[in-house]
Amino acid sequence: MITAEEPFKLETLGMLRNGRRRYDPASKQRLVEACLQPGVSLAGLRCNTA
């Protein structure tokens, strides 16, 4: 389980022609699960990994 204190990285599968990235479904699922924890937000996870 990922917490706000742990670094998180989405695994990139590739990039589409329009510049959008494709991400690993398992990585996205871990991100969603982490954001469902009390006191954890997507912005908070991003700030900790920047």
N, C-alpha and C. Protein backbone atom coordinates (compact mmCIF):
# COMPACT_ATOMS: atom_id res chain seq x y z
N MET A 1 0.84 -1.18 0.00
CA MET A 1 0.00 0.00 0.00
C MET A 1 0.88 1.24 0.00
N ILE A 2 0.49 2.21 -0.75
CA ILE A 2 1.24 3.45 -0.86
C ILE A 2 0.64 4.48 0.08
N THR A 3 1.49 5.19 0.80
CA THR A 3 1.02 6.26 1.68
C THR A 3 1.58 7.58 1.17
N ALA A 4 1.16 8.65 1.80
CA ALA A 4 1.61 9.99 1.37
C ALA A 4 3.11 10.16 1.54
N GLU A 5 3.71 9.37 2.44
CA GLU A 5 5.14 9.52 2.67
C GLU A 5 5.99 8.75 1.66
N GLU A 6 5.42 7.75 1.00
CA GLU A 6 6.19 6.93 0.07
C GLU A 6 6.16 7.52 -1.33
N PRO A 7 7.27 7.48 -2.03
CA PRO A 7 7.27 7.96 -3.42
C PRO A 7 6.45 7.02 -4.31
N PHE A 8 5.79 7.58 -5.31
CA PHE A 8 4.96 6.80 -6.20
C PHE A 8 5.30 7.15 -7.64
N LYS A 9 5.38 6.14 -8.48
CA LYS A 9 5.69 6.37 -9.88
C LYS A 9 4.73 5.55 -10.73
N LEU A 10 4.05 6.20 -11.66
CA LEU A 10 3.21 5.50 -12.62
C LEU A 10 4.10 4.92 -13.72
N GLU A 11 3.92 3.67 -14.01
CA GLU A 11 4.70 3.03 -15.07
C GLU A 11 4.10 3.42 -16.43
N THR A 12 4.92 3.97 -17.31
CA THR A 12 4.47 4.39 -18.63
C THR A 12 4.63 3.24 -19.61
N LEU A 13 3.56 2.94 -20.35
CA LEU A 13 3.61 1.89 -21.36
C LEU A 13 4.04 2.42 -22.71
N GLY A 14 3.80 3.69 -22.96
CA GLY A 14 4.17 4.28 -24.23
C GLY A 14 3.48 5.62 -24.42
N MET A 15 3.70 6.21 -25.59
CA MET A 15 3.10 7.50 -25.88
C MET A 15 2.35 7.40 -27.21
N LEU A 16 1.16 7.98 -27.23
CA LEU A 16 0.35 8.00 -28.44
C LEU A 16 0.83 9.10 -29.38
N ARG A 17 0.34 9.09 -30.60
CA ARG A 17 0.75 10.11 -31.58
C ARG A 17 0.40 11.52 -31.16
N ASN A 18 -0.68 11.66 -30.40
CA ASN A 18 -1.11 12.99 -29.97
C ASN A 18 -0.35 13.48 -28.72
N GLY A 19 0.62 12.71 -28.26
CA GLY A 19 1.45 13.13 -27.13
C GLY A 19 0.97 12.62 -25.78
N ARG A 20 -0.20 12.00 -25.74
CA ARG A 20 -0.70 11.46 -24.48
C ARG A 20 0.03 10.17 -24.14
N ARG A 21 0.27 9.97 -22.85
CA ARG A 21 0.96 8.76 -22.41
C ARG A 21 -0.06 7.69 -22.04
N ARG A 22 0.35 6.42 -22.19
CA ARG A 22 -0.44 5.28 -21.75
C ARG A 22 0.24 4.74 -20.51
N TYR A 23 -0.55 4.46 -19.47
CA TYR A 23 -0.01 4.01 -18.20
C TYR A 23 -0.46 2.58 -17.89
N ASP A 24 0.36 1.89 -17.15
CA ASP A 24 0.09 0.53 -16.73
C ASP A 24 -1.15 0.49 -15.85
N PRO A 25 -2.13 -0.35 -16.17
CA PRO A 25 -3.36 -0.42 -15.36
C PRO A 25 -3.10 -0.76 -13.90
N ALA A 26 -2.14 -1.61 -13.61
CA ALA A 26 -1.84 -1.96 -12.21
C ALA A 26 -1.31 -0.74 -11.45
N SER A 27 -0.49 0.08 -12.11
CA SER A 27 0.02 1.30 -11.47
C SER A 27 -1.11 2.27 -11.17
N LYS A 28 -2.02 2.40 -12.13
CA LYS A 28 -3.16 3.30 -11.91
C LYS A 28 -4.04 2.80 -10.78
N GLN A 29 -4.22 1.49 -10.68
CA GLN A 29 -5.03 0.92 -9.60
C GLN A 29 -4.40 1.21 -8.24
N ARG A 30 -3.06 1.08 -8.13
CA ARG A 30 -2.37 1.40 -6.88
C ARG A 30 -2.55 2.87 -6.52
N LEU A 31 -2.52 3.74 -7.53
CA LEU A 31 -2.71 5.17 -7.30
C LEU A 31 -4.10 5.45 -6.75
N VAL A 32 -5.11 4.84 -7.35
CA VAL A 32 -6.50 5.03 -6.89
C VAL A 32 -6.64 4.52 -5.46
N GLU A 33 -6.11 3.34 -5.18
CA GLU A 33 -6.19 2.79 -3.82
C GLU A 33 -5.50 3.70 -2.81
N ALA A 34 -4.38 4.27 -3.19
CA ALA A 34 -3.66 5.17 -2.29
C ALA A 34 -4.48 6.43 -2.01
N CYS A 35 -5.15 6.95 -3.02
CA CYS A 35 -5.93 8.17 -2.85
C CYS A 35 -7.19 7.95 -2.03
N LEU A 36 -7.62 6.71 -1.89
CA LEU A 36 -8.81 6.41 -1.08
C LEU A 36 -8.50 6.36 0.41
N GLN A 37 -7.22 6.39 0.77
CA GLN A 37 -6.82 6.36 2.17
C GLN A 37 -7.05 7.73 2.80
N PRO A 38 -7.47 7.77 4.07
CA PRO A 38 -7.69 9.05 4.75
C PRO A 38 -6.41 9.89 4.79
N GLY A 39 -6.53 11.14 4.44
CA GLY A 39 -5.42 12.07 4.51
C GLY A 39 -4.48 12.04 3.32
N VAL A 40 -4.78 11.23 2.30
CA VAL A 40 -3.93 11.13 1.11
C VAL A 40 -4.68 11.71 -0.08
N SER A 41 -4.00 12.54 -0.86
CA SER A 41 -4.62 13.11 -2.05
C SER A 41 -3.69 12.94 -3.24
N LEU A 42 -4.24 13.03 -4.42
CA LEU A 42 -3.44 12.94 -5.63
C LEU A 42 -2.41 14.06 -5.67
N ALA A 43 -2.83 15.26 -5.31
CA ALA A 43 -1.90 16.40 -5.28
C ALA A 43 -0.79 16.17 -4.27
N GLY A 44 -1.13 15.61 -3.12
CA GLY A 44 -0.12 15.33 -2.11
C GLY A 44 0.88 14.29 -2.57
N LEU A 45 0.40 13.25 -3.26
CA LEU A 45 1.32 12.24 -3.80
C LEU A 45 2.23 12.86 -4.83
N ARG A 46 1.69 13.71 -5.67
CA ARG A 46 2.48 14.35 -6.74
C ARG A 46 3.55 15.27 -6.14
N CYS A 47 3.18 16.04 -5.15
CA CYS A 47 4.14 16.95 -4.52
C CYS A 47 5.29 16.20 -3.87
N ASN A 48 5.01 15.03 -3.33
CA ASN A 48 6.06 14.25 -2.67
C ASN A 48 6.99 13.58 -3.65
N THR A 49 6.57 13.41 -4.91
CA THR A 49 7.42 12.73 -5.90
C THR A 49 8.09 13.70 -6.86
N ALA A 50 7.75 14.96 -6.79
CA ALA A 50 8.32 15.95 -7.72
C ALA A 50 9.74 16.31 -7.37
